[in-house]
């Protein structure tokens, strides 16, 4: 008897067989065929020019918390794993995925962008709005509770880590 559940079960079983199939004709080491698995998205730079550009759009001005850094890195690694056709069930660490693809962590790129932008603003004339915003200290007192993460705190922490 033909049912939707049996059809879905068959499709799921065939996709699992395809996922665990060895790509290079019987070799046990799937890493030996990374060049075959790695499509043109990484080779021709379209990943950098499309996906990473979207991830890093105006990242130099974001106040980043640890939670947002983790979410951003998770999305980055999810894209890389999808390109390489590596499932989380394959137990491949993120560091190894970055080595296979030749990509860096997004946090290092954000740090580079942030420091580059801060240097650009520091060289501006004193009357420019960006320079005024960078040096502005608000008057009054803060609200009760934990202070919010500010861009200035992130830049200072980044600068202290770099030195």
Protein backbone atom coordinates (compact mmCIF):
# COMPACT_ATOMS: atom_id res chain seq x y z
CA UNK A 1 0.00 0.00 0.00
CA UNK A 2 1.29 3.43 -0.94
CA UNK A 3 1.42 5.97 1.89
CA UNK A 4 3.11 9.29 2.43
CA UNK A 5 5.05 7.92 5.41
CA UNK A 6 6.56 5.10 3.37
CA UNK A 7 7.62 7.53 0.65
CA UNK A 8 9.21 9.86 3.20
CA UNK A 9 10.95 6.92 4.88
CA UNK A 10 12.43 5.79 1.54
CA UNK A 11 13.65 9.32 0.71
CA UNK A 12 15.18 9.71 4.16
CA UNK A 13 16.99 6.37 3.85
CA UNK A 14 18.36 7.23 0.41
CA UNK A 15 19.58 10.65 1.58
CA UNK A 16 21.33 9.03 4.56
CA UNK A 17 23.05 6.55 2.24
CA UNK A 18 24.18 9.41 0.02
CA UNK A 19 25.47 11.41 2.98
CA UNK A 20 27.57 8.53 4.29
CA UNK A 21 28.82 7.40 0.89
CA UNK A 22 32.56 7.68 0.46
CA UNK A 23 33.20 10.27 -2.27
CA UNK A 24 36.45 9.04 -3.79
CA UNK A 25 35.57 5.51 -4.79
CA UNK A 26 36.20 3.39 -1.72
CA UNK A 27 38.84 5.34 0.13
CA UNK A 28 38.15 5.52 3.85
CA UNK A 29 39.47 9.03 4.33
CA UNK A 30 36.88 11.56 3.14
CA UNK A 31 39.33 14.42 3.58
CA UNK A 32 41.42 13.18 0.67
CA UNK A 33 38.72 14.31 -1.71
CA UNK A 34 38.02 17.77 -0.33
CA UNK A 35 38.79 19.26 -3.72
CA UNK A 36 35.96 17.22 -5.20
CA UNK A 37 33.59 18.12 -2.39
CA UNK A 38 34.51 21.77 -2.34
CA UNK A 39 32.49 23.39 -5.11
CA UNK A 40 33.36 26.52 -6.97
CA UNK A 41 31.74 28.70 -4.27
CA UNK A 42 34.95 28.62 -2.25
CA UNK A 43 37.39 28.35 -5.14
CA UNK A 44 36.29 31.36 -7.16
CA UNK A 45 35.79 33.69 -4.19
CA UNK A 46 32.03 33.99 -4.46
CA UNK A 47 31.63 32.92 -0.81
CA UNK A 48 33.84 35.79 0.28
CA UNK A 49 32.20 38.29 -2.02
CA UNK A 50 28.58 37.33 -1.28
CA UNK A 51 28.10 35.48 2.00
CA UNK A 52 30.89 37.02 4.07
CA UNK A 53 29.96 40.47 2.80
CA UNK A 54 26.44 39.93 4.11
CA UNK A 55 27.73 38.63 7.44
CA UNK A 56 30.13 41.56 7.87
CA UNK A 57 27.94 44.40 6.57
CA UNK A 58 28.79 47.46 8.74
CA UNK A 59 30.25 45.14 11.39
CA UNK A 60 32.74 47.79 12.43
CA UNK A 61 29.92 49.74 14.11
CA UNK A 62 28.17 46.87 15.93
CA UNK A 63 28.35 46.59 19.69
CA UNK A 64 29.12 42.85 19.89
CA UNK A 65 28.27 40.67 22.86
CA UNK A 66 29.59 37.14 23.28
CA UNK A 67 26.17 35.74 22.41
CA UNK A 68 26.02 37.64 19.12
CA UNK A 69 29.59 36.56 18.30
CA UNK A 70 28.64 32.92 18.86
CA UNK A 71 25.52 33.23 16.70
CA UNK A 72 27.48 34.87 13.89
CA UNK A 73 30.22 32.21 14.00
CA UNK A 74 27.60 29.45 14.08
CA UNK A 75 25.94 30.82 10.94
CA UNK A 76 29.35 31.12 9.24
CA UNK A 77 30.28 27.52 10.07
CA UNK A 78 26.83 26.28 9.06
CA UNK A 79 27.36 27.78 5.60
CA UNK A 80 30.85 26.28 5.29
CA UNK A 81 29.61 22.85 6.36
CA UNK A 82 26.75 23.03 3.89
CA UNK A 83 29.16 23.90 1.07
CA UNK A 84 31.45 20.99 2.00
CA UNK A 85 28.49 18.67 2.58
CA UNK A 86 29.65 17.91 6.13
CA UNK A 87 26.92 17.08 8.62
CA UNK A 88 27.13 17.72 12.34
CA UNK A 89 26.89 13.94 12.70
CA UNK A 90 30.29 13.58 11.02
CA UNK A 91 31.92 15.03 14.17
CA UNK A 92 34.24 17.43 12.36
CA UNK A 93 35.40 20.37 14.46
CA UNK A 94 34.90 23.95 13.29
CA UNK A 95 38.64 24.55 13.28
CA UNK A 96 39.10 21.67 10.83
CA UNK A 97 36.29 23.01 8.61
CA UNK A 98 38.02 26.42 8.52
CA UNK A 99 41.34 24.72 7.63
CA UNK A 100 39.70 22.81 4.78
CA UNK A 101 38.07 25.91 3.36
CA UNK A 102 40.89 28.36 4.05
CA UNK A 103 38.57 30.72 5.93
CA UNK A 104 39.27 32.71 9.10
CA UNK A 105 36.98 33.27 12.04
CA UNK A 106 34.56 36.12 11.45
CA UNK A 107 35.54 37.69 14.75
CA UNK A 108 39.07 38.33 13.49
CA UNK A 109 37.65 40.00 10.37
CA UNK A 110 35.31 42.11 12.49
CA UNK A 111 38.27 43.15 14.65
CA UNK A 112 40.25 44.17 11.56
CA UNK A 113 37.31 46.17 10.19
CA UNK A 114 36.70 47.82 13.55
CA UNK A 115 40.33 48.88 14.03
CA UNK A 116 40.59 50.11 10.44
CA UNK A 117 37.43 52.20 10.87
CA UNK A 118 38.61 53.60 14.21
CA UNK A 119 41.89 54.69 12.63
CA UNK A 120 39.95 56.32 9.79
CA UNK A 121 37.79 58.25 12.27
CA UNK A 122 40.81 59.23 14.38
CA UNK A 123 42.42 60.85 11.33
CA UNK A 124 39.29 62.92 10.55
CA UNK A 125 39.02 66.61 11.30
CA UNK A 126 37.54 67.56 14.67
CA UNK A 127 34.29 68.96 13.27
CA UNK A 128 33.14 65.75 11.57
CA UNK A 129 30.14 63.97 13.10
CA UNK A 130 31.84 60.57 13.32
CA UNK A 131 34.78 62.04 15.24
CA UNK A 132 32.43 63.90 17.57
CA UNK A 133 30.44 60.72 18.20
CA UNK A 134 33.62 58.78 18.92
CA UNK A 135 34.81 61.30 21.52
CA UNK A 136 31.38 62.15 22.97
CA UNK A 137 30.77 61.42 26.64
CA UNK A 138 27.10 61.65 27.63
CA UNK A 139 26.14 63.78 30.60
CA UNK A 140 24.12 62.54 33.53
CA UNK A 141 24.00 59.15 35.13
CA UNK A 142 23.25 55.72 33.78
CA UNK A 143 20.20 53.66 34.52
CA UNK A 144 20.31 51.20 37.37
CA UNK A 145 21.57 47.74 36.44
CA UNK A 146 24.20 46.26 34.23
CA UNK A 147 25.58 48.74 31.68
CA UNK A 148 24.77 48.04 28.05
CA UNK A 149 27.58 47.01 25.74
CA UNK A 150 28.70 50.00 23.72
CA UNK A 151 30.74 50.24 20.57
CA UNK A 152 33.37 52.27 22.42
CA UNK A 153 33.80 49.50 25.03
CA UNK A 154 34.26 46.95 22.24
CA UNK A 155 36.86 49.09 20.46
CA UNK A 156 38.80 49.73 23.66
CA UNK A 157 38.77 46.00 24.50
CA UNK A 158 39.88 45.17 20.94
CA UNK A 159 42.69 47.73 21.10
CA UNK A 160 43.89 46.39 24.44
CA UNK A 161 43.87 42.81 23.10
CA UNK A 162 45.92 43.83 20.04
CA UNK A 163 48.62 45.56 22.11
